[in-house]
C-alpha cells in the first residue's frame, strides 16, 4: 500500500483542529516550546493512510511512546484495549484531570491504556503541568 505524505496544508489543518496542542495529553505547543508532530492514528505500517481522518497532532513525547501501537494493556485489568482515537472518540469521555489539574485520569479502559502506553503522567510532564497550573495555563479551559 502506498501512502501519500502529509502536505503542509494538511499539517496546518490538523494543527488548527487540535488548537495547536497534543490531542492525547493536551499539552499546548506554546508551553512546551517543542514543535508538535503529525501522528498516524493507525500507523501506515499497519495499513493506516495519510487521510485527515487518520491524522492527529501529537507532542513528541506521546508520539514517541505510541510509536506504531494501536492498543495496549489496561493497567488495572491487564486486558488489551484500543488506544484513544482523537478523530473518532471524545477526550472527555475517556479522560479527566485530577483535582489539582496535573494528572490525567483514565475514565475508561481506552483512557487507562492510553495513559499507561503513552506515559501521559510521566514525572517530567507532571512537573511542567504544575507550573502551567500556577500561571493559569492548565488544564485547558475547554477540558476542565
Protein backbone atom coordinates (compact mmCIF):
# COMPACT_ATOMS: atom_id res chain seq x y z
CA UNK A 1 0.00 0.00 0.00
CA UNK A 2 1.36 3.39 -0.96
CA UNK A 3 0.59 6.32 1.30
CA UNK A 4 0.91 9.96 0.45
CA UNK A 5 2.99 12.29 2.54
CA UNK A 6 1.37 14.85 4.80
CA UNK A 7 1.26 18.14 2.94
CA UNK A 8 1.99 21.50 4.62
CA UNK A 9 -1.66 22.46 4.05
CA UNK A 10 -2.83 19.24 5.68
CA UNK A 11 -0.43 19.80 8.61
CA UNK A 12 -1.88 23.28 9.09
CA UNK A 13 -5.44 21.95 9.02
CA UNK A 14 -4.67 19.25 11.62
CA UNK A 15 -2.88 21.81 13.81
CA UNK A 16 -5.89 24.13 13.69
CA UNK A 17 -8.33 21.30 14.52
CA UNK A 18 -6.19 20.47 17.56
CA UNK A 19 -5.85 24.10 18.69
CA UNK A 20 -2.07 23.60 18.45
CA UNK A 21 -1.97 21.11 21.31
CA UNK A 22 -1.36 17.39 21.60
CA UNK A 23 -4.60 15.53 21.04
CA UNK A 24 -3.58 12.84 23.53
CA UNK A 25 -2.19 14.71 26.58
CA UNK A 26 -3.46 18.21 25.62
CA UNK A 27 -0.02 19.80 26.10
CA UNK A 28 -0.01 23.06 24.15
CA UNK A 29 2.85 23.79 21.77
CA UNK A 30 3.20 27.32 23.18
CA UNK A 31 4.01 25.99 26.67
CA UNK A 32 6.26 23.11 25.66
CA UNK A 33 8.34 25.13 23.23
CA UNK A 34 8.68 21.98 21.13
CA UNK A 35 7.05 21.63 17.72
CA UNK A 36 4.19 19.17 17.52
CA UNK A 37 4.28 16.17 15.19
CA UNK A 38 1.63 14.65 12.98
CA UNK A 39 0.69 11.18 14.20
CA UNK A 40 -0.89 8.48 12.08
CA UNK A 41 -3.53 7.16 14.48
CA UNK A 42 -3.43 3.82 12.66
CA UNK A 43 0.23 3.64 11.61
CA UNK A 44 0.99 3.26 7.93
CA UNK A 45 2.90 0.10 8.86
CA UNK A 46 -0.47 -1.34 9.97
CA UNK A 47 -2.45 -0.20 6.95
CA UNK A 48 -3.25 3.36 8.01
CA UNK A 49 -3.41 6.14 5.46
CA UNK A 50 -2.41 9.78 5.42
CA UNK A 51 -6.02 10.90 5.10
CA UNK A 52 -7.16 13.61 7.52
CA UNK A 53 -9.34 11.19 9.50
CA UNK A 54 -6.25 9.13 10.39
CA UNK A 55 -4.04 12.03 11.44
CA UNK A 56 -3.78 13.94 14.68
CA UNK A 57 -1.44 16.41 16.33
CA UNK A 58 0.82 14.89 18.97
CA UNK A 59 3.65 16.09 21.15
CA UNK A 60 6.96 14.34 20.66
CA UNK A 61 6.59 12.51 23.99
CA UNK A 62 3.18 10.98 23.22
CA UNK A 63 4.09 10.20 19.62
CA UNK A 64 7.37 8.62 20.67
CA UNK A 65 5.76 6.34 23.23
CA UNK A 66 2.86 5.50 20.94
CA UNK A 67 5.20 4.55 18.09
CA UNK A 68 3.24 2.06 15.95
CA UNK A 69 0.86 0.86 18.67
CA UNK A 70 -2.89 0.80 18.29
CA UNK A 71 -3.64 -0.98 21.57
CA UNK A 72 -2.15 -1.52 25.00
CA UNK A 73 -2.94 -3.30 28.23
CA UNK A 74 -5.29 -1.64 30.67
CA UNK A 75 -3.07 -1.41 33.79
CA UNK A 76 -5.94 -2.41 36.09
CA UNK A 77 -7.26 -5.46 34.25
CA UNK A 78 -4.27 -6.39 32.04
CA UNK A 79 -6.75 -6.82 29.19
CA UNK A 80 -5.91 -5.29 25.82
CA UNK A 81 -7.72 -2.07 24.91
CA UNK A 82 -7.53 0.10 21.82
CA UNK A 83 -5.66 3.36 22.24
CA UNK A 84 -7.60 6.62 22.18
CA UNK A 85 -8.53 7.77 18.68
CA UNK A 86 -8.87 11.58 18.64
CA UNK A 87 -10.80 11.51 15.37
CA UNK A 88 -13.43 9.02 16.47
CA UNK A 89 -13.63 9.48 20.24
CA UNK A 90 -14.18 12.38 22.62
CA UNK A 91 -11.35 13.17 25.03
CA UNK A 92 -13.72 13.96 27.94
CA UNK A 93 -15.40 10.56 27.66
CA UNK A 94 -12.12 8.74 28.27
CA UNK A 95 -10.10 11.17 30.41
CA UNK A 96 -10.39 13.81 33.08
CA UNK A 97 -7.94 15.95 35.02
CA UNK A 98 -7.14 15.40 38.69
CA UNK A 99 -8.49 17.98 41.09
CA UNK A 100 -5.19 19.89 41.03
CA UNK A 101 -5.02 19.70 37.22
CA UNK A 102 -1.68 17.92 36.95
CA UNK A 103 -2.62 14.27 36.41
CA UNK A 104 -4.62 12.83 33.55
CA UNK A 105 -7.02 10.19 34.88
CA UNK A 106 -8.44 7.43 32.70
CA UNK A 107 -12.20 7.01 32.97
CA UNK A 108 -12.45 4.02 30.60
CA UNK A 109 -10.29 1.07 29.55
CA UNK A 110 -9.28 3.10 26.48
CA UNK A 111 -8.26 6.06 28.64
CA UNK A 112 -6.35 3.97 31.16
CA UNK A 113 -4.49 2.00 28.47
CA UNK A 114 -3.62 5.19 26.58
CA UNK A 115 -2.30 6.96 29.69
CA UNK A 116 -0.13 3.96 30.52
CA UNK A 117 1.17 3.34 26.98
CA UNK A 118 1.92 6.98 26.15
CA UNK A 119 3.20 7.74 29.65
CA UNK A 120 0.92 10.75 29.79
CA UNK A 121 1.66 11.18 33.52
CA UNK A 122 5.44 10.92 33.19
CA UNK A 123 7.03 12.84 36.10
CA UNK A 124 8.66 15.39 33.76
CA UNK A 125 5.37 16.47 32.18
CA UNK A 126 3.58 16.44 35.54
CA UNK A 127 6.23 18.89 36.86
CA UNK A 128 5.61 21.12 33.85
CA UNK A 129 1.85 20.94 34.37
CA UNK A 130 2.29 22.08 37.98
CA UNK A 131 3.93 25.26 36.69
CA UNK A 132 1.27 25.70 34.00
CA UNK A 133 -1.46 25.37 36.65
CA UNK A 134 0.23 28.05 38.78
CA UNK A 135 0.04 30.60 35.96
CA UNK A 136 -3.46 29.54 34.84
CA UNK A 137 -2.50 27.83 31.58
CA UNK A 138 -3.64 24.35 32.55
CA UNK A 139 -5.88 22.44 32.31
CA UNK A 140 -7.20 23.91 29.07
CA UNK A 141 -10.44 25.77 29.71
CA UNK A 142 -12.44 23.63 27.31
CA UNK A 143 -11.28 20.47 29.12
CA UNK A 144 -11.86 21.44 32.76
